Amino acid sequence: MASFSILLVSACSPEPYPENSSLVTDKAALTRDSIAQNSENIEDSIRNSYARLASERADVCPKLIEEQGSQVIERVAEVMVNDYCDYFLYPREGQHISVATNNRQIEALLIVPALHNFANGGYKVMSYDKHIVRLSYNGATYKPQNLNYDIVMTISDNSDKEYS
């Protein structure tokens, strides 16, 4: 019985055909990569769907902000419940993003695709991609449970301004 199992294992071994085994390994790696990419795309789509619904509520984050003709996006009476609130944008390459809030205790940062502090000025978009603007509490005292604020995001094609 033991010699039969050794014979069976050696017969099923991929060693006699090394070129075929590398093809199988390459196909398996490609399949894993495509599955991982598909799952990331699905996960991102779910996050965007949730963010689209959250954009209708003042106290839910993250939010998907879509341009609808106007390039100045004003959100009034937003409520920060957690430590931060993310806003998802999809600007075009070459556009500029600037962010302003009415509360000096809130810090506005671009965190994806690059790190940029809007206190230092606007940001020039380098590629059409998901951009995430994060507002977070940066005050000297404890954050209130529900922090109210207004935010104005400007997405412009104006190249006259100096951006980093």
Protein backbone atom coordinates (compact mmCIF):
# COMPACT_ATOMS: atom_id res chain seq x y z
CA MET A 1 0.00 0.00 0.00
CA ALA A 2 2.83 2.42 0.88
CA SER A 3 4.61 1.77 -2.40
CA PHE A 4 1.34 2.33 -4.29
CA SER A 5 0.84 5.75 -2.65
CA ILE A 6 4.45 6.74 -3.49
CA LEU A 7 3.87 5.64 -7.08
CA LEU A 8 0.62 7.64 -7.21
CA VAL A 9 2.27 10.78 -5.80
CA SER A 10 5.20 10.56 -8.21
CA ALA A 11 2.83 10.00 -11.15
CA CYS A 12 0.88 13.15 -10.26
CA SER A 13 3.99 15.22 -9.67
CA PRO A 14 4.45 18.14 -12.12
CA GLU A 15 8.24 17.68 -12.21
CA PRO A 16 8.43 15.79 -15.56
CA TYR A 17 6.80 18.79 -17.30
CA PRO A 18 8.44 21.94 -15.86
CA GLU A 19 7.32 24.17 -18.75
CA ASN A 20 3.66 23.22 -18.16
CA SER A 21 3.90 23.76 -14.42
CA SER A 22 5.14 27.34 -14.91
CA LEU A 23 2.23 28.01 -17.27
CA VAL A 24 -0.22 26.72 -14.69
CA THR A 25 1.46 28.85 -12.00
CA ASP A 26 1.38 31.95 -14.23
CA LYS A 27 -2.30 31.41 -15.05
CA ALA A 28 -3.09 30.93 -11.37
CA ALA A 29 -1.22 34.14 -10.49
CA LEU A 30 -3.06 36.05 -13.23
CA THR A 31 -6.36 34.67 -12.03
CA ARG A 32 -5.59 35.67 -8.42
CA ASP A 33 -4.56 39.16 -9.57
CA SER A 34 -7.72 39.63 -11.64
CA ILE A 35 -9.89 38.36 -8.79
CA ALA A 36 -8.16 40.75 -6.38
CA GLN A 37 -8.62 43.66 -8.82
CA ASN A 38 -12.28 42.78 -9.36
CA SER A 39 -12.90 42.60 -5.63
CA GLU A 40 -11.21 46.00 -5.15
CA ASN A 41 -13.39 47.48 -7.91
CA ILE A 42 -16.53 46.03 -6.32
CA GLU A 43 -15.49 47.29 -2.88
CA ASP A 44 -14.82 50.77 -4.27
CA SER A 45 -18.18 50.72 -6.08
CA ILE A 46 -19.95 49.80 -2.85
CA ARG A 47 -18.15 52.60 -0.99
CA ASN A 48 -19.14 55.08 -3.72
CA SER A 49 -22.77 53.91 -3.64
CA TYR A 50 -22.85 54.36 0.13
CA ALA A 51 -21.15 57.76 -0.21
CA ARG A 52 -23.68 58.84 -2.85
CA LEU A 53 -26.53 58.06 -0.43
CA ALA A 54 -24.65 59.67 2.46
CA SER A 55 -24.28 62.90 0.47
CA GLU A 56 -28.00 63.47 1.03
CA ARG A 57 -27.52 63.50 4.81
CA ALA A 58 -25.58 66.03 6.86
CA ASP A 59 -24.42 63.62 9.57
CA VAL A 60 -23.19 60.58 7.58
CA CYS A 61 -19.73 60.14 6.06
CA PRO A 62 -18.08 59.51 3.63
CA LYS A 63 -19.85 61.58 0.98
CA LEU A 64 -19.63 61.47 -2.80
CA ILE A 65 -19.63 64.98 -4.24
CA GLU A 66 -20.57 65.13 -7.88
CA GLU A 67 -20.31 68.18 -10.09
CA GLN A 68 -23.70 69.16 -11.44
CA GLY A 69 -22.97 72.10 -13.69
CA SER A 70 -21.74 74.29 -10.86
CA GLN A 71 -18.07 74.21 -10.01
CA VAL A 72 -18.61 75.66 -6.56
CA ILE A 73 -19.97 73.02 -4.22
CA GLU A 74 -21.42 74.39 -1.01
CA ARG A 75 -22.51 72.14 1.82
CA VAL A 76 -24.18 74.02 4.66
CA ALA A 77 -24.84 72.72 8.19
CA GLU A 78 -22.76 69.56 7.84
CA VAL A 79 -22.28 67.56 11.03
CA MET A 80 -19.06 65.76 11.94
CA VAL A 81 -20.03 62.89 14.23
CA ASN A 82 -16.76 60.93 14.16
CA ASP A 83 -13.19 62.20 14.16
CA TYR A 84 -13.24 63.05 10.45
CA CYS A 85 -15.41 63.17 7.35
CA ASP A 86 -14.27 62.18 3.85
CA TYR A 87 -15.55 63.69 0.61
CA PHE A 88 -15.03 61.75 -2.63
CA LEU A 89 -14.43 63.80 -5.80
CA TYR A 90 -13.67 62.85 -9.40
CA PRO A 91 -12.16 65.99 -10.96
CA ARG A 92 -10.65 66.03 -14.44
CA GLU A 93 -6.94 66.30 -15.12
CA GLY A 94 -5.75 69.91 -15.08
CA GLN A 95 -8.52 71.19 -12.82
CA HIS A 96 -7.82 72.85 -9.49
CA ILE A 97 -9.43 72.02 -6.14
CA SER A 98 -9.69 74.42 -3.24
CA VAL A 99 -11.48 73.82 0.04
CA ALA A 100 -12.63 76.28 2.70
CA THR A 101 -14.60 75.79 5.91
CA ASN A 102 -16.20 78.24 8.30
CA ASN A 103 -14.58 76.60 11.33
CA ARG A 104 -10.89 77.19 12.07
CA GLN A 105 -10.77 74.05 14.18
CA ILE A 106 -11.28 71.88 11.10
CA GLU A 107 -8.31 70.85 8.99
CA ALA A 108 -8.89 70.15 5.28
CA LEU A 109 -6.51 67.68 3.66
CA LEU A 110 -6.38 65.87 0.37
CA ILE A 111 -5.38 62.32 1.34
CA VAL A 112 -5.78 60.45 -1.98
CA PRO A 113 -4.07 60.37 -4.50
CA ALA A 114 -1.51 62.58 -2.74
CA LEU A 115 -1.24 64.31 0.61
CA HIS A 116 -1.97 68.05 0.39
CA ASN A 117 -3.00 70.57 3.06
CA PHE A 118 -5.55 73.04 1.69
CA ALA A 119 -4.38 75.61 4.27
CA ASN A 120 -1.38 76.00 1.95
CA GLY A 121 -3.56 76.73 -1.10
CA GLY A 122 -5.31 74.79 -3.80
CA TYR A 123 -4.32 71.54 -5.47
CA LYS A 124 -3.78 70.94 -9.19
CA VAL A 125 -5.27 67.63 -10.36
CA MET A 126 -2.67 65.50 -12.12
CA SER A 127 -4.94 62.69 -13.34
CA TYR A 128 -8.58 61.72 -13.50
CA ASP A 129 -8.90 59.59 -10.41
CA LYS A 130 -10.72 59.39 -7.13
CA HIS A 131 -9.67 62.27 -4.89
CA ILE A 132 -10.50 62.13 -1.19
CA VAL A 133 -10.74 65.34 0.81
CA ARG A 134 -10.68 64.66 4.54
CA LEU A 135 -11.97 67.16 7.07
CA SER A 136 -10.84 66.44 10.59
CA TYR A 137 -11.09 68.17 13.94
CA ASN A 138 -7.84 69.94 14.80
CA GLY A 139 -8.88 72.03 17.79
CA ALA A 140 -7.17 72.63 21.12
CA THR A 141 -10.09 71.32 23.17
CA TYR A 142 -12.13 68.14 23.01
CA LYS A 143 -14.24 67.78 19.89
CA PRO A 144 -17.95 68.26 20.50
CA GLN A 145 -20.02 65.14 19.87
CA ASN A 146 -21.68 66.76 16.84
CA LEU A 147 -19.48 69.44 15.25
CA ASN A 148 -21.38 71.68 12.82
CA TYR A 149 -19.60 73.30 9.89
CA ASP A 150 -20.04 74.66 6.38
CA ILE A 151 -17.74 73.67 3.55
CA VAL A 152 -17.11 75.18 0.12
CA MET A 153 -15.21 73.16 -2.48
CA THR A 154 -14.25 74.89 -5.69
CA ILE A 155 -13.29 72.84 -8.72
CA SER A 156 -12.06 75.10 -11.49
CA ASP A 157 -10.26 75.04 -14.81
CA ASN A 158 -8.56 78.36 -13.95
CA SER A 159 -4.83 78.03 -14.60
CA ASP A 160 -4.02 81.63 -13.62
CA LYS A 161 -3.72 80.73 -9.95
CA GLU A 162 -0.60 79.23 -8.45
CA TYR A 163 -1.14 75.69 -7.15
CA SER A 164 1.22 73.05 -5.89
